[in-house]
Amino acid sequence: MNDNDTTQDIRIRPGGPADAPAILDMLDAAVVWMNGRGNTEQWGTTPYSQRPGGTARVERYTTENAPYIAEVDGRPVGALVLDSGPSPEMPIAPVEEPERYVRLLVSDRRHAGRGVGAALLAHAVAETRRAGIALLRVDCWAGGGGELVAYYERNGFTPTERFLSGSWPGQVLAQRVG
C-alpha cells in the first residue's frame, strides 16, 4: 500500500476457522505494538497466542460467532467478531432488547491509519441493520488517556457504562443503528 490508499482498497468477507492463525498473528502483533508504546495494562505483555485459553478463544470466535475479515490485496489486515451479547465473563449489565456486540476488533498494525478498523465497524453497523436489530454495543479498555474510548466515539458510539474487570477499567459504548 502507499500513502494514497484508503478504505476503498479494503474488502470485508465472512471469516471462518481457517482465519484463526491470521487473527492470532494480528493479536500478537498488537500486544507488541501496545507494549512498544508503553501500554502494558490493556492486554498485558504475553502474546495472545501464548496466553492460557487465547488460541481456543480465537478458534471459538471463528466457529461460534460471526467473524469478518478485512483484506487488502487478498491478505487479512483486520478482524471483527460479532455476537448476540457480551462475553459472559464481563461484568456488564444486560440490555432489554436484541443487540449485536463487537467481541473483537483488531487490525494489522502495518496498516494502521488506513481505515481498517473504521471499515470493520461500518460493516458491523450494516450487519446489525441487516439483522433487523437496532442496537450495536462494544466494550473496550478505558485506561491510559482514553484513546480507545475516543476512537469508538469517532466511529459513532456513545459511552454508556463503565466497569471494572478485576483491575482492568472498561467502558461499554453503544450505537443506535435502526
N, C-alpha and C. Protein backbone atom coordinates (compact mmCIF):
# COMPACT_ATOMS: atom_id res chain seq x y z
N MET A 1 0.84 -1.18 0.00
CA MET A 1 0.00 0.00 0.00
C MET A 1 0.88 1.23 0.00
N ASN A 2 0.36 2.31 -0.57
CA ASN A 2 1.09 3.58 -0.48
C ASN A 2 0.26 4.56 0.32
N ASP A 3 0.79 5.74 0.53
CA ASP A 3 0.12 6.71 1.39
C ASP A 3 -1.22 7.19 0.84
N ASN A 4 -1.49 6.95 -0.43
CA ASN A 4 -2.76 7.39 -1.01
C ASN A 4 -3.85 6.35 -0.92
N ASP A 5 -3.53 5.15 -0.45
CA ASP A 5 -4.54 4.10 -0.33
C ASP A 5 -5.51 4.43 0.79
N THR A 6 -6.78 4.16 0.56
CA THR A 6 -7.81 4.44 1.56
C THR A 6 -8.71 3.23 1.71
N THR A 7 -9.81 3.42 2.42
CA THR A 7 -10.69 2.29 2.73
C THR A 7 -11.27 1.62 1.48
N GLN A 8 -11.29 2.27 0.31
CA GLN A 8 -11.87 1.59 -0.84
C GLN A 8 -11.05 0.38 -1.26
N ASP A 9 -9.83 0.25 -0.78
CA ASP A 9 -8.99 -0.90 -1.08
C ASP A 9 -9.30 -2.08 -0.16
N ILE A 10 -10.15 -1.87 0.83
CA ILE A 10 -10.43 -2.89 1.84
C ILE A 10 -11.67 -3.69 1.42
N ARG A 11 -11.51 -5.00 1.41
CA ARG A 11 -12.64 -5.91 1.14
C ARG A 11 -12.94 -6.64 2.43
N ILE A 12 -14.21 -6.73 2.79
CA ILE A 12 -14.60 -7.44 4.01
C ILE A 12 -15.39 -8.67 3.61
N ARG A 13 -14.98 -9.79 4.17
CA ARG A 13 -15.63 -11.07 3.86
C ARG A 13 -15.92 -11.82 5.16
N PRO A 14 -16.86 -12.76 5.12
CA PRO A 14 -17.08 -13.61 6.29
C PRO A 14 -15.81 -14.40 6.60
N GLY A 15 -15.55 -14.58 7.89
CA GLY A 15 -14.39 -15.35 8.30
C GLY A 15 -14.78 -16.76 8.69
N GLY A 16 -13.79 -17.54 9.04
CA GLY A 16 -14.02 -18.92 9.46
C GLY A 16 -12.80 -19.47 10.16
N PRO A 17 -12.84 -20.76 10.51
CA PRO A 17 -11.74 -21.38 11.25
C PRO A 17 -10.37 -21.22 10.59
N ALA A 18 -10.30 -21.20 9.27
CA ALA A 18 -9.02 -21.06 8.58
C ALA A 18 -8.37 -19.70 8.85
N ASP A 19 -9.16 -18.73 9.36
CA ASP A 19 -8.64 -17.39 9.63
C ASP A 19 -8.04 -17.25 11.03
N ALA A 20 -8.21 -18.26 11.88
CA ALA A 20 -7.73 -18.16 13.26
C ALA A 20 -6.23 -17.84 13.34
N PRO A 21 -5.34 -18.47 12.56
CA PRO A 21 -3.92 -18.12 12.66
C PRO A 21 -3.64 -16.65 12.32
N ALA A 22 -4.31 -16.11 11.31
CA ALA A 22 -4.09 -14.70 10.95
C ALA A 22 -4.59 -13.78 12.06
N ILE A 23 -5.72 -14.13 12.67
CA ILE A 23 -6.24 -13.31 13.77
C ILE A 23 -5.27 -13.35 14.95
N LEU A 24 -4.77 -14.53 15.27
CA LEU A 24 -3.80 -14.65 16.36
C LEU A 24 -2.53 -13.84 16.07
N ASP A 25 -2.07 -13.87 14.82
CA ASP A 25 -0.89 -13.08 14.45
C ASP A 25 -1.16 -11.59 14.67
N MET A 26 -2.35 -11.12 14.28
CA MET A 26 -2.68 -9.70 14.48
C MET A 26 -2.75 -9.36 15.97
N LEU A 27 -3.34 -10.25 16.77
CA LEU A 27 -3.42 -10.01 18.21
C LEU A 27 -2.03 -9.99 18.84
N ASP A 28 -1.17 -10.93 18.45
CA ASP A 28 0.20 -10.95 18.97
C ASP A 28 0.94 -9.66 18.61
N ALA A 29 0.80 -9.23 17.37
CA ALA A 29 1.47 -8.00 16.93
C ALA A 29 0.91 -6.78 17.66
N ALA A 30 -0.38 -6.80 17.96
CA ALA A 30 -0.99 -5.68 18.70
C ALA A 30 -0.41 -5.58 20.10
N VAL A 31 -0.18 -6.72 20.75
CA VAL A 31 0.43 -6.70 22.09
C VAL A 31 1.83 -6.08 22.01
N VAL A 32 2.62 -6.50 21.03
CA VAL A 32 3.97 -5.95 20.86
C VAL A 32 3.89 -4.44 20.60
N TRP A 33 2.98 -4.03 19.73
CA TRP A 33 2.83 -2.61 19.40
C TRP A 33 2.43 -1.80 20.63
N MET A 34 1.44 -2.29 21.37
CA MET A 34 1.00 -1.57 22.58
C MET A 34 2.14 -1.48 23.59
N ASN A 35 2.83 -2.60 23.81
CA ASN A 35 3.94 -2.60 24.75
C ASN A 35 5.02 -1.62 24.32
N GLY A 36 5.27 -1.54 23.03
CA GLY A 36 6.26 -0.60 22.50
C GLY A 36 5.88 0.85 22.75
N ARG A 37 4.61 1.11 22.92
CA ARG A 37 4.12 2.46 23.23
C ARG A 37 3.99 2.68 24.73
N GLY A 38 4.44 1.69 25.52
CA GLY A 38 4.37 1.82 26.97
C GLY A 38 3.08 1.32 27.58
N ASN A 39 2.19 0.75 26.78
CA ASN A 39 0.91 0.24 27.28
C ASN A 39 1.05 -1.25 27.58
N THR A 40 1.24 -1.57 28.85
CA THR A 40 1.31 -2.98 29.25
C THR A 40 0.06 -3.39 30.04
N GLU A 41 -0.85 -2.44 30.26
CA GLU A 41 -2.04 -2.70 31.07
C GLU A 41 -3.21 -3.26 30.27
N GLN A 42 -3.37 -2.80 29.02
CA GLN A 42 -4.56 -3.17 28.26
C GLN A 42 -4.62 -4.67 27.98
N TRP A 43 -3.58 -5.22 27.37
CA TRP A 43 -3.56 -6.64 27.04
C TRP A 43 -2.38 -7.36 27.66
N GLY A 44 -1.68 -6.70 28.57
CA GLY A 44 -0.53 -7.32 29.22
C GLY A 44 0.67 -7.39 28.30
N THR A 45 1.61 -8.28 28.64
CA THR A 45 2.86 -8.39 27.87
C THR A 45 3.02 -9.76 27.21
N THR A 46 2.18 -10.70 27.54
CA THR A 46 2.26 -12.05 26.97
C THR A 46 1.54 -12.06 25.62
N PRO A 47 2.19 -12.57 24.56
CA PRO A 47 1.50 -12.67 23.28
C PRO A 47 0.17 -13.42 23.45
N TYR A 48 -0.85 -12.97 22.74
CA TYR A 48 -2.19 -13.54 22.87
C TYR A 48 -2.18 -15.05 22.63
N SER A 49 -1.40 -15.47 21.64
CA SER A 49 -1.35 -16.90 21.29
C SER A 49 -0.72 -17.74 22.39
N GLN A 50 0.01 -17.11 23.32
CA GLN A 50 0.66 -17.86 24.40
C GLN A 50 -0.08 -17.76 25.73
N ARG A 51 -1.18 -17.02 25.75
CA ARG A 51 -1.98 -16.92 26.98
C ARG A 51 -2.81 -18.18 27.16
N PRO A 52 -3.03 -18.57 28.40
CA PRO A 52 -3.93 -19.70 28.61
C PRO A 52 -5.31 -19.41 28.01
N GLY A 53 -5.75 -20.26 27.12
CA GLY A 53 -7.06 -20.09 26.51
C GLY A 53 -7.11 -19.13 25.34
N GLY A 54 -6.03 -18.44 25.02
CA GLY A 54 -6.05 -17.45 23.94
C GLY A 54 -6.35 -18.05 22.58
N THR A 55 -5.63 -19.10 22.23
CA THR A 55 -5.86 -19.75 20.93
C THR A 55 -7.26 -20.35 20.86
N ALA A 56 -7.69 -20.99 21.95
CA ALA A 56 -9.03 -21.60 21.97
C ALA A 56 -10.11 -20.53 21.82
N ARG A 57 -9.91 -19.36 22.44
CA ARG A 57 -10.90 -18.29 22.32
C ARG A 57 -11.03 -17.84 20.87
N VAL A 58 -9.90 -17.64 20.20
CA VAL A 58 -9.95 -17.22 18.80
C VAL A 58 -10.61 -18.30 17.94
N GLU A 59 -10.31 -19.56 18.22
CA GLU A 59 -10.96 -20.64 17.47
C GLU A 59 -12.47 -20.63 17.70
N ARG A 60 -12.91 -20.37 18.94
CA ARG A 60 -14.36 -20.25 19.21
C ARG A 60 -14.95 -19.07 18.45
N TYR A 61 -14.22 -17.95 18.45
CA TYR A 61 -14.71 -16.78 17.71
C TYR A 61 -14.99 -17.13 16.25
N THR A 62 -14.15 -17.97 15.66
CA THR A 62 -14.31 -18.28 14.23
C THR A 62 -15.29 -19.40 13.96
N THR A 63 -15.78 -20.06 15.02
CA THR A 63 -16.75 -21.14 14.81
C THR A 63 -18.10 -20.87 15.46
N GLU A 64 -18.12 -20.16 16.58
CA GLU A 64 -19.36 -19.96 17.33
C GLU A 64 -19.95 -18.57 17.16
N ASN A 65 -19.17 -17.63 16.65
CA ASN A 65 -19.63 -16.26 16.49
C ASN A 65 -19.67 -15.90 15.01
N ALA A 66 -19.82 -14.62 14.72
CA ALA A 66 -19.84 -14.16 13.34
C ALA A 66 -18.56 -13.36 13.07
N PRO A 67 -17.51 -14.05 12.55
CA PRO A 67 -16.26 -13.35 12.26
C PRO A 67 -16.27 -12.74 10.85
N TYR A 68 -15.61 -11.61 10.73
CA TYR A 68 -15.43 -10.95 9.43
C TYR A 68 -13.96 -10.58 9.31
N ILE A 69 -13.43 -10.72 8.12
CA ILE A 69 -12.03 -10.44 7.86
C ILE A 69 -11.93 -9.31 6.84
N ALA A 70 -11.14 -8.30 7.18
CA ALA A 70 -10.83 -7.23 6.22
C ALA A 70 -9.57 -7.66 5.47
N GLU A 71 -9.60 -7.51 4.16
CA GLU A 71 -8.46 -7.88 3.33
C GLU A 71 -8.05 -6.71 2.45
N VAL A 72 -6.76 -6.65 2.18
CA VAL A 72 -6.21 -5.76 1.18
C VAL A 72 -5.35 -6.64 0.27
N ASP A 73 -5.63 -6.62 -1.00
CA ASP A 73 -4.90 -7.46 -1.96
C ASP A 73 -4.94 -8.94 -1.56
N GLY A 74 -6.09 -9.38 -1.01
CA GLY A 74 -6.26 -10.78 -0.66
C GLY A 74 -5.60 -11.21 0.64
N ARG A 75 -4.97 -10.27 1.36
CA ARG A 75 -4.31 -10.59 2.63
C ARG A 75 -5.11 -10.03 3.80
N PRO A 76 -5.30 -10.81 4.87
CA PRO A 76 -6.00 -10.32 6.05
C PRO A 76 -5.27 -9.13 6.68
N VAL A 77 -6.02 -8.06 6.94
CA VAL A 77 -5.44 -6.87 7.58
C VAL A 77 -6.26 -6.44 8.79
N GLY A 78 -7.35 -7.15 9.07
CA GLY A 78 -8.17 -6.82 10.22
C GLY A 78 -9.22 -7.89 10.44
N ALA A 79 -9.75 -7.91 11.67
CA ALA A 79 -10.78 -8.88 12.01
C ALA A 79 -11.79 -8.25 12.96
N LEU A 80 -13.03 -8.65 12.78
CA LEU A 80 -14.16 -8.23 13.60
C LEU A 80 -14.93 -9.48 13.97
N VAL A 81 -15.36 -9.58 15.22
CA VAL A 81 -16.21 -10.69 15.63
C VAL A 81 -17.46 -10.10 16.26
N LEU A 82 -18.61 -10.47 15.72
CA LEU A 82 -19.90 -10.04 16.25
C LEU A 82 -20.56 -11.21 16.99
N ASP A 83 -21.31 -10.86 18.02
CA ASP A 83 -22.05 -11.85 18.79
C ASP A 83 -23.39 -11.23 19.17
N SER A 84 -24.22 -12.00 19.86
CA SER A 84 -25.53 -11.51 20.28
C SER A 84 -25.48 -10.85 21.65
N GLY A 85 -24.28 -10.75 22.24
CA GLY A 85 -24.13 -10.10 23.54
C GLY A 85 -22.68 -10.15 23.98
N PRO A 86 -22.39 -9.53 25.12
CA PRO A 86 -21.02 -9.52 25.62
C PRO A 86 -20.60 -10.90 26.14
N SER A 87 -19.32 -11.04 26.36
CA SER A 87 -18.79 -12.25 26.97
C SER A 87 -19.45 -12.44 28.33
N PRO A 88 -19.87 -13.65 28.66
CA PRO A 88 -20.50 -13.88 29.97
C PRO A 88 -19.58 -13.53 31.14
N GLU A 89 -18.27 -13.53 30.92
CA GLU A 89 -17.33 -13.20 31.99
C GLU A 89 -17.28 -11.70 32.30
N MET A 90 -17.77 -10.88 31.40
CA MET A 90 -17.67 -9.43 31.59
C MET A 90 -18.77 -8.95 32.53
N PRO A 91 -18.42 -8.08 33.47
CA PRO A 91 -19.41 -7.55 34.43
C PRO A 91 -20.20 -6.39 33.82
N ILE A 92 -20.99 -6.72 32.82
CA ILE A 92 -21.73 -5.72 32.04
C ILE A 92 -23.23 -5.97 32.21
N ALA A 93 -23.96 -4.90 32.43
CA ALA A 93 -25.41 -5.01 32.59
C ALA A 93 -26.05 -5.47 31.28
N PRO A 94 -27.00 -6.40 31.36
CA PRO A 94 -27.71 -6.83 30.15
C PRO A 94 -28.64 -5.73 29.66
N VAL A 95 -28.99 -5.80 28.40
CA VAL A 95 -29.95 -4.86 27.83
C VAL A 95 -31.28 -5.59 27.64
N GLU A 96 -32.34 -4.81 27.50
CA GLU A 96 -33.69 -5.38 27.41
C GLU A 96 -34.17 -5.50 25.97
N GLU A 97 -33.24 -5.61 25.04
CA GLU A 97 -33.61 -5.72 23.62
C GLU A 97 -32.53 -6.53 22.91
N PRO A 98 -32.84 -7.03 21.74
CA PRO A 98 -31.80 -7.73 20.97
C PRO A 98 -30.67 -6.76 20.64
N GLU A 99 -29.48 -7.29 20.57
CA GLU A 99 -28.32 -6.46 20.23
C GLU A 99 -27.32 -7.28 19.44
N ARG A 100 -26.41 -6.57 18.80
CA ARG A 100 -25.19 -7.17 18.27
C ARG A 100 -24.07 -6.56 19.10
N TYR A 101 -23.06 -7.37 19.35
CA TYR A 101 -21.98 -6.95 20.23
C TYR A 101 -20.65 -7.22 19.55
N VAL A 102 -19.81 -6.22 19.50
CA VAL A 102 -18.46 -6.38 18.95
C VAL A 102 -17.62 -7.07 20.02
N ARG A 103 -17.29 -8.33 19.78
CA ARG A 103 -16.48 -9.08 20.74
C ARG A 103 -14.99 -8.92 20.48
N LEU A 104 -14.63 -8.61 19.23
CA LEU A 104 -13.23 -8.43 18.87
C LEU A 104 -13.13 -7.48 17.70
N LEU A 105 -12.19 -6.57 17.79
CA LEU A 105 -11.82 -5.71 16.67
C LEU A 105 -10.30 -5.56 16.74
N VAL A 106 -9.62 -6.00 15.71
CA VAL A 106 -8.17 -5.90 15.67
C VAL A 106 -7.75 -5.65 14.23
N SER A 107 -6.69 -4.87 14.08
CA SER A 107 -6.17 -4.65 12.73
C SER A 107 -4.66 -4.89 12.74
N ASP A 108 -4.17 -5.21 11.56
CA ASP A 108 -2.74 -5.41 11.36
C ASP A 108 -2.06 -4.05 11.51
N ARG A 109 -1.15 -3.95 12.46
CA ARG A 109 -0.51 -2.66 12.75
C ARG A 109 0.24 -2.11 11.55
N ARG A 110 0.62 -2.95 10.60
CA ARG A 110 1.28 -2.45 9.38
C ARG A 110 0.33 -1.65 8.51
N HIS A 111 -0.96 -1.73 8.80
CA HIS A 111 -1.97 -0.98 8.04
C HIS A 111 -2.65 0.08 8.91
N ALA A 112 -2.02 0.42 10.02
CA ALA A 112 -2.57 1.43 10.93
C ALA A 112 -2.80 2.74 10.19
N GLY A 113 -3.91 3.38 10.51
CA GLY A 113 -4.23 4.66 9.89
C GLY A 113 -4.84 4.56 8.51
N ARG A 114 -5.11 3.36 8.05
CA ARG A 114 -5.68 3.17 6.71
C ARG A 114 -7.19 2.97 6.72
N GLY A 115 -7.80 3.06 7.90
CA GLY A 115 -9.26 2.93 7.98
C GLY A 115 -9.76 1.51 8.10
N VAL A 116 -8.89 0.55 8.43
CA VAL A 116 -9.31 -0.84 8.54
C VAL A 116 -10.35 -1.01 9.64
N GLY A 117 -10.05 -0.49 10.83
CA GLY A 117 -10.99 -0.61 11.95
C GLY A 117 -12.31 0.09 11.66
N ALA A 118 -12.23 1.28 11.09
CA ALA A 118 -13.46 2.02 10.75
C ALA A 118 -14.30 1.26 9.73
N ALA A 119 -13.64 0.64 8.75
CA ALA A 119 -14.38 -0.14 7.74
C ALA A 119 -15.06 -1.34 8.39
N LEU A 120 -14.36 -2.00 9.31
CA LEU A 120 -14.97 -3.15 10.01
C LEU A 120 -16.12 -2.70 10.90
N LEU A 121 -15.99 -1.57 11.57
CA LEU A 121 -17.10 -1.07 12.40
C LEU A 121 -18.30 -0.67 11.52
N ALA A 122 -18.05 -0.07 10.38
CA ALA A 122 -19.15 0.24 9.46
C ALA A 122 -19.83 -1.05 9.00
N HIS A 123 -19.05 -2.10 8.79
CA HIS A 123 -19.62 -3.39 8.42
C HIS A 123 -20.47 -3.94 9.57
N ALA A 124 -20.02 -3.76 10.80
CA ALA A 124 -20.81 -4.21 11.96
C ALA A 124 -22.14 -3.49 12.01
N VAL A 125 -22.14 -2.19 11.72
CA VAL A 125 -23.39 -1.43 11.68
C VAL A 125 -24.31 -2.00 10.60
N ALA A 126 -23.77 -2.24 9.42
CA ALA A 126 -24.57 -2.77 8.31
C ALA A 126 -25.13 -4.15 8.64
N GLU A 127 -24.32 -5.02 9.24
CA GLU A 127 -24.77 -6.36 9.60
C GLU A 127 -25.85 -6.30 10.68
N THR A 128 -25.70 -5.38 11.61
CA THR A 128 -26.70 -5.22 12.68
C THR A 128 -28.03 -4.78 12.08
N ARG A 129 -27.99 -3.79 11.19
CA ARG A 129 -29.21 -3.34 10.50
C ARG A 129 -29.82 -4.47 9.68
N ARG A 130 -28.97 -5.19 8.95
CA ARG A 130 -29.46 -6.28 8.09
C ARG A 130 -30.19 -7.34 8.92
N ALA A 131 -29.77 -7.51 10.17
CA ALA A 131 -30.42 -8.48 11.06
C ALA A 131 -31.70 -7.91 11.68
N GLY A 132 -32.01 -6.65 11.38
CA GLY A 132 -33.21 -6.04 11.94
C GLY A 132 -33.05 -5.66 13.39
N ILE A 133 -31.82 -5.46 13.83
CA ILE A 133 -31.51 -5.11 15.22
C ILE A 133 -31.08 -3.66 15.27
N ALA A 134 -31.52 -2.95 16.30
CA ALA A 134 -31.28 -1.51 16.37
C ALA A 134 -30.10 -1.12 17.26
N LEU A 135 -29.55 -2.05 18.03
CA LEU A 135 -28.51 -1.71 19.00
C LEU A 135 -27.22 -2.48 18.72
N LEU A 136 -26.13 -1.74 18.59
CA LEU A 136 -24.79 -2.31 18.46
C LEU A 136 -23.97 -1.80 19.64
N ARG A 137 -23.36 -2.73 20.38
CA ARG A 137 -22.53 -2.32 21.52
C ARG A 137 -21.14 -2.92 21.41
N VAL A 138 -20.23 -2.32 22.17
CA VAL A 138 -18.85 -2.77 22.25
C VAL A 138 -18.33 -2.40 23.63
N ASP A 139 -17.37 -3.15 24.12
CA ASP A 139 -16.68 -2.70 25.32
C ASP A 139 -15.20 -2.61 24.99
N CYS A 140 -14.51 -1.75 25.72
CA CYS A 140 -13.09 -1.57 25.46
C CYS A 140 -12.37 -1.12 26.73
N TRP A 141 -11.07 -1.15 26.65
CA TRP A 141 -10.21 -0.67 27.72
C TRP A 141 -10.39 0.83 27.86
N ALA A 142 -10.63 1.28 29.09
CA ALA A 142 -10.86 2.71 29.33
C ALA A 142 -9.68 3.36 30.03
N GLY A 143 -8.55 2.65 30.12
CA GLY A 143 -7.38 3.19 30.79
C GLY A 143 -6.56 4.09 29.89
N GLY A 144 -5.35 4.35 30.36
CA GLY A 144 -4.48 5.25 29.61
C GLY A 144 -5.11 6.62 29.54
N GLY A 145 -5.00 7.24 28.42
CA GLY A 145 -5.59 8.56 28.22
C GLY A 145 -6.98 8.51 27.60
N GLY A 146 -7.59 7.34 27.56
CA GLY A 146 -8.92 7.21 26.98
C GLY A 146 -8.93 7.19 25.46
N GLU A 147 -7.78 6.91 24.85
CA GLU A 147 -7.70 6.95 23.38
C GLU A 147 -8.63 5.95 22.70
N LEU A 148 -8.77 4.76 23.29
CA LEU A 148 -9.62 3.75 22.66
C LEU A 148 -11.09 4.13 22.75
N VAL A 149 -11.50 4.67 23.88
CA VAL A 149 -12.88 5.16 24.02
C VAL A 149 -13.14 6.25 22.98
N ALA A 150 -12.19 7.17 22.85
CA ALA A 150 -12.33 8.26 21.86
C ALA A 150 -12.40 7.72 20.44
N TYR A 151 -11.66 6.65 20.14
CA TYR A 151 -11.71 6.03 18.82
C TYR A 151 -13.13 5.55 18.51
N TYR A 152 -13.73 4.85 19.47
CA TYR A 152 -15.10 4.37 19.24
C TYR A 152 -16.09 5.52 19.14
N GLU A 153 -15.87 6.57 19.91
CA GLU A 153 -16.75 7.75 19.79
C GLU A 153 -16.64 8.35 18.39
N ARG A 154 -15.43 8.43 17.85
CA ARG A 154 -15.25 8.95 16.48
C ARG A 154 -15.95 8.07 15.46
N ASN A 155 -16.20 6.82 15.82
CA ASN A 155 -16.87 5.90 14.91
C ASN A 155 -18.35 5.72 15.24
N GLY A 156 -18.93 6.69 15.93
CA GLY A 156 -20.38 6.74 16.11
C GLY A 156 -20.93 6.14 17.38
N PHE A 157 -20.07 5.69 18.28
CA PHE A 157 -20.52 5.10 19.53
C PHE A 157 -20.58 6.14 20.64
N THR A 158 -21.46 5.90 21.61
CA THR A 158 -21.63 6.77 22.78
C THR A 158 -21.34 5.97 24.04
N PRO A 159 -20.49 6.48 24.93
CA PRO A 159 -20.24 5.75 26.18
C PRO A 159 -21.52 5.58 26.99
N THR A 160 -21.69 4.39 27.56
CA THR A 160 -22.87 4.13 28.38
C THR A 160 -22.48 3.77 29.81
N GLU A 161 -21.80 2.66 30.01
CA GLU A 161 -21.49 2.23 31.37
C GLU A 161 -20.01 1.91 31.51
N ARG A 162 -19.45 2.29 32.65
CA ARG A 162 -18.07 1.93 32.98
C ARG A 162 -18.11 0.71 33.88
N PHE A 163 -17.03 -0.08 33.85
CA PHE A 163 -16.96 -1.26 34.69
C PHE A 163 -15.51 -1.58 35.01
N LEU A 164 -15.33 -2.43 36.00
CA LEU A 164 -14.01 -2.97 36.33
C LEU A 164 -14.08 -4.48 36.16
N SER A 165 -13.12 -5.03 35.45
CA SER A 165 -12.96 -6.47 35.34
C SER A 165 -11.64 -6.77 36.04
N GLY A 166 -11.72 -7.11 37.33
CA GLY A 166 -10.52 -7.17 38.15
C GLY A 166 -10.02 -5.74 38.33
N SER A 167 -8.81 -5.48 37.88
CA SER A 167 -8.28 -4.11 37.95
C SER A 167 -8.31 -3.44 36.58
N TRP A 168 -8.91 -4.10 35.59
CA TRP A 168 -8.96 -3.62 34.21
C TRP A 168 -10.15 -2.68 34.04
N PRO A 169 -9.91 -1.37 33.80
CA PRO A 169 -11.03 -0.44 33.63
C PRO A 169 -11.64 -0.55 32.23
N GLY A 170 -12.94 -0.74 32.19
CA GLY A 170 -13.60 -0.91 30.90
C GLY A 170 -14.71 0.12 30.69
N GLN A 171 -15.07 0.28 29.44
CA GLN A 171 -16.13 1.19 29.03
C GLN A 171 -17.01 0.48 28.02
N VAL A 172 -18.30 0.47 28.24
CA VAL A 172 -19.25 -0.02 27.25
C VAL A 172 -19.70 1.19 26.45
N LEU A 173 -19.79 1.01 25.13
CA LEU A 173 -20.29 2.06 24.25
C LEU A 173 -21.40 1.45 23.39
N ALA A 174 -22.33 2.29 22.97
CA ALA A 174 -23.47 1.82 22.18
C ALA A 174 -23.69 2.74 21.01
N GLN A 175 -24.30 2.17 19.97
CA GLN A 175 -24.69 2.93 18.79
C GLN A 175 -26.06 2.43 18.34
N ARG A 176 -26.98 3.36 18.17
CA ARG A 176 -28.30 3.03 17.60
C ARG A 176 -28.14 3.01 16.09
N VAL A 177 -28.54 1.89 15.49
CA VAL A 177 -28.33 1.74 14.05
C VAL A 177 -29.64 1.63 13.28
N GLY A 178 -30.74 1.62 13.98
CA GLY A 178 -32.02 1.49 13.28
C GLY A 178 -33.14 2.11 14.03
